[in-house]
Amino acid sequence: IMKHPENPMFTFSAEAEIVVADKLLPKQVVGHWDVANNRADFSRPYAITYERLLWAASLMGQLIPYTNAVMTPELWQELAEEWSRSATQ
């Protein structure tokens, strides 16, 4: 509950449900990866960029950070197709 500093009679109450996941989805990690700083950055919009696609390719056969998933040729192909669709729009 928050009260207005100038008018304590005015209060505001809010509730939120937060879902906590042990691991993230591979596409979400790739789509929010900050390649320059080598970390996930969820403050930026989701996008499969060329740089992120190259980063994903460098993970072939390895675990994707923050997931239980390994980068496979099939997953990379799916990401490449998404990048291709967005690049032509």
C-alpha atoms as a PDB file:
ATOM      1  CA  ILE A   1       0.000   0.000   0.000  1.00  0.00           C
ATOM      2  CA  MET A   2       1.324   3.381  -0.974  1.00  0.00           C
ATOM      3  CA  LYS A   3       0.119   6.721   0.377  1.00  0.00           C
ATOM      4  CA  HIS A   4       0.320  10.026  -1.442  1.00  0.00           C
ATOM      5  CA  PRO A   5       2.910  12.205   0.355  1.00  0.00           C
ATOM      6  CA  GLU A   6       0.726  15.332   0.232  1.00  0.00           C
ATOM      7  CA  ASN A   7      -2.631  13.668   0.837  1.00  0.00           C
ATOM      8  CA  PRO A   8      -2.449  10.641   3.158  1.00  0.00           C
ATOM      9  CA  MET A   9      -6.140   9.967   2.534  1.00  0.00           C
ATOM     10  CA  PHE A  10      -5.233   8.924  -1.013  1.00  0.00           C
ATOM     11  CA  THR A  11      -3.833   5.402  -0.993  1.00  0.00           C
ATOM     12  CA  PHE A  12      -3.003   2.935  -3.682  1.00  0.00           C
ATOM     13  CA  SER A  13      -2.899  -0.825  -3.368  1.00  0.00           C
ATOM     14  CA  ALA A  14      -1.760  -3.332  -5.979  1.00  0.00           C
ATOM     15  CA  GLU A  15      -1.106  -7.038  -6.250  1.00  0.00           C
ATOM     16  CA  ALA A  16       0.933  -8.924  -8.795  1.00  0.00           C
ATOM     17  CA  GLU A  17       1.582 -12.565  -9.430  1.00  0.00           C
ATOM     18  CA  ILE A  18       5.167 -13.310 -10.359  1.00  0.00           C
ATOM     19  CA  VAL A  19       6.003 -16.568 -12.048  1.00  0.00           C
ATOM     20  CA  VAL A  20       9.530 -17.760 -11.374  1.00  0.00           C
ATOM     21  CA  ALA A  21      11.070 -20.186 -13.829  1.00  0.00           C
ATOM     22  CA  ASP A  22      14.100 -22.289 -13.040  1.00  0.00           C
ATOM     23  CA  LYS A  23      15.233 -22.123 -16.641  1.00  0.00           C
ATOM     24  CA  LEU A  24      14.388 -19.929 -19.609  1.00  0.00           C
ATOM     25  CA  LEU A  25      13.320 -20.926 -23.101  1.00  0.00           C
ATOM     26  CA  PRO A  26      16.237 -21.074 -25.550  1.00  0.00           C
ATOM     27  CA  LYS A  27      14.661 -18.648 -28.038  1.00  0.00           C
ATOM     28  CA  GLN A  28      14.053 -16.112 -25.272  1.00  0.00           C
ATOM     29  CA  VAL A  29      17.698 -16.226 -24.216  1.00  0.00           C
ATOM     30  CA  VAL A  30      18.977 -15.837 -27.791  1.00  0.00           C
ATOM     31  CA  GLY A  31      16.434 -13.097 -28.532  1.00  0.00           C
ATOM     32  CA  HIS A  32      17.570 -11.049 -25.521  1.00  0.00           C
ATOM     33  CA  TRP A  33      21.302 -11.790 -25.585  1.00  0.00           C
ATOM     34  CA  ASP A  34      23.633  -8.786 -25.363  1.00  0.00           C
ATOM     35  CA  VAL A  35      26.451 -10.056 -27.586  1.00  0.00           C
ATOM     36  CA  ALA A  36      28.824  -7.180 -26.784  1.00  0.00           C
ATOM     37  CA  ASN A  37      28.625  -7.779 -23.020  1.00  0.00           C
ATOM     38  CA  ASN A  38      28.041 -11.558 -23.193  1.00  0.00           C
ATOM     39  CA  ARG A  39      24.945 -11.553 -20.993  1.00  0.00           C
ATOM     40  CA  ALA A  40      21.162 -11.698 -21.185  1.00  0.00           C
ATOM     41  CA  ASP A  41      19.532  -8.254 -21.320  1.00  0.00           C
ATOM     42  CA  PHE A  42      15.764  -8.324 -20.889  1.00  0.00           C
ATOM     43  CA  SER A  43      15.525  -4.525 -20.878  1.00  0.00           C
ATOM     44  CA  ARG A  44      15.746  -4.604 -24.683  1.00  0.00           C
ATOM     45  CA  PRO A  45      12.986  -5.927 -26.945  1.00  0.00           C
ATOM     46  CA  TYR A  46      13.096  -9.537 -28.142  1.00  0.00           C
ATOM     47  CA  ALA A  47      14.669  -9.856 -31.580  1.00  0.00           C
ATOM     48  CA  ILE A  48      16.693 -12.423 -33.465  1.00  0.00           C
ATOM     49  CA  THR A  49      19.433 -10.269 -34.959  1.00  0.00           C
ATOM     50  CA  TYR A  50      22.306 -11.297 -37.189  1.00  0.00           C
ATOM     51  CA  GLU A  51      24.760 -10.863 -34.295  1.00  0.00           C
ATOM     52  CA  ARG A  52      22.619 -12.993 -31.990  1.00  0.00           C
ATOM     53  CA  LEU A  53      22.282 -15.622 -34.698  1.00  0.00           C
ATOM     54  CA  LEU A  54      26.088 -15.787 -35.047  1.00  0.00           C
ATOM     55  CA  TRP A  55      26.386 -16.051 -31.261  1.00  0.00           C
ATOM     56  CA  ALA A  56      23.853 -18.909 -31.285  1.00  0.00           C
ATOM     57  CA  ALA A  57      25.888 -20.670 -33.987  1.00  0.00           C
ATOM     58  CA  SER A  58      28.969 -20.469 -31.760  1.00  0.00           C
ATOM     59  CA  LEU A  59      27.063 -22.526 -29.166  1.00  0.00           C
ATOM     60  CA  MET A  60      26.438 -25.474 -31.487  1.00  0.00           C
ATOM     61  CA  GLY A  61      26.442 -28.650 -29.387  1.00  0.00           C
ATOM     62  CA  GLN A  62      26.784 -26.675 -26.147  1.00  0.00           C
ATOM     63  CA  LEU A  63      24.360 -25.645 -23.421  1.00  0.00           C
ATOM     64  CA  ILE A  64      22.604 -22.350 -23.990  1.00  0.00           C
ATOM     65  CA  PRO A  65      23.063 -20.138 -20.901  1.00  0.00           C
ATOM     66  CA  TYR A  66      20.142 -20.089 -18.434  1.00  0.00           C
ATOM     67  CA  THR A  67      18.456 -23.074 -20.112  1.00  0.00           C
ATOM     68  CA  ASN A  68      18.625 -26.850 -19.970  1.00  0.00           C
ATOM     69  CA  ALA A  69      18.882 -26.909 -23.760  1.00  0.00           C
ATOM     70  CA  VAL A  70      21.744 -27.597 -26.127  1.00  0.00           C
ATOM     71  CA  MET A  71      22.027 -25.583 -29.330  1.00  0.00           C
ATOM     72  CA  THR A  72      21.131 -28.026 -32.068  1.00  0.00           C
ATOM     73  CA  PRO A  73      21.190 -27.575 -35.857  1.00  0.00           C
ATOM     74  CA  GLU A  74      17.374 -27.767 -35.798  1.00  0.00           C
ATOM     75  CA  LEU A  75      17.025 -24.999 -33.197  1.00  0.00           C
ATOM     76  CA  TRP A  76      19.581 -22.855 -35.012  1.00  0.00           C
ATOM     77  CA  GLN A  77      17.691 -23.353 -38.291  1.00  0.00           C
ATOM     78  CA  GLU A  78      14.460 -22.243 -36.597  1.00  0.00           C
ATOM     79  CA  LEU A  79      16.220 -19.118 -35.306  1.00  0.00           C
ATOM     80  CA  ALA A  80      17.712 -18.440 -38.755  1.00  0.00           C
ATOM     81  CA  GLU A  81      14.287 -18.695 -40.363  1.00  0.00           C
ATOM     82  CA  GLU A  82      12.860 -16.254 -37.807  1.00  0.00           C
ATOM     83  CA  TRP A  83      15.733 -13.846 -38.504  1.00  0.00           C
ATOM     84  CA  SER A  84      15.180 -14.195 -42.244  1.00  0.00           C
ATOM     85  CA  ARG A  85      11.448 -13.429 -41.927  1.00  0.00           C
ATOM     86  CA  SER A  86      12.120 -10.345 -39.800  1.00  0.00           C
ATOM     87  CA  ALA A  87      14.920  -9.120 -42.085  1.00  0.00           C
ATOM     88  CA  THR A  88      12.608  -9.134 -45.125  1.00  0.00           C
ATOM     89  CA  GLN A  89       9.770  -7.206 -43.477  1.00  0.00           C
END
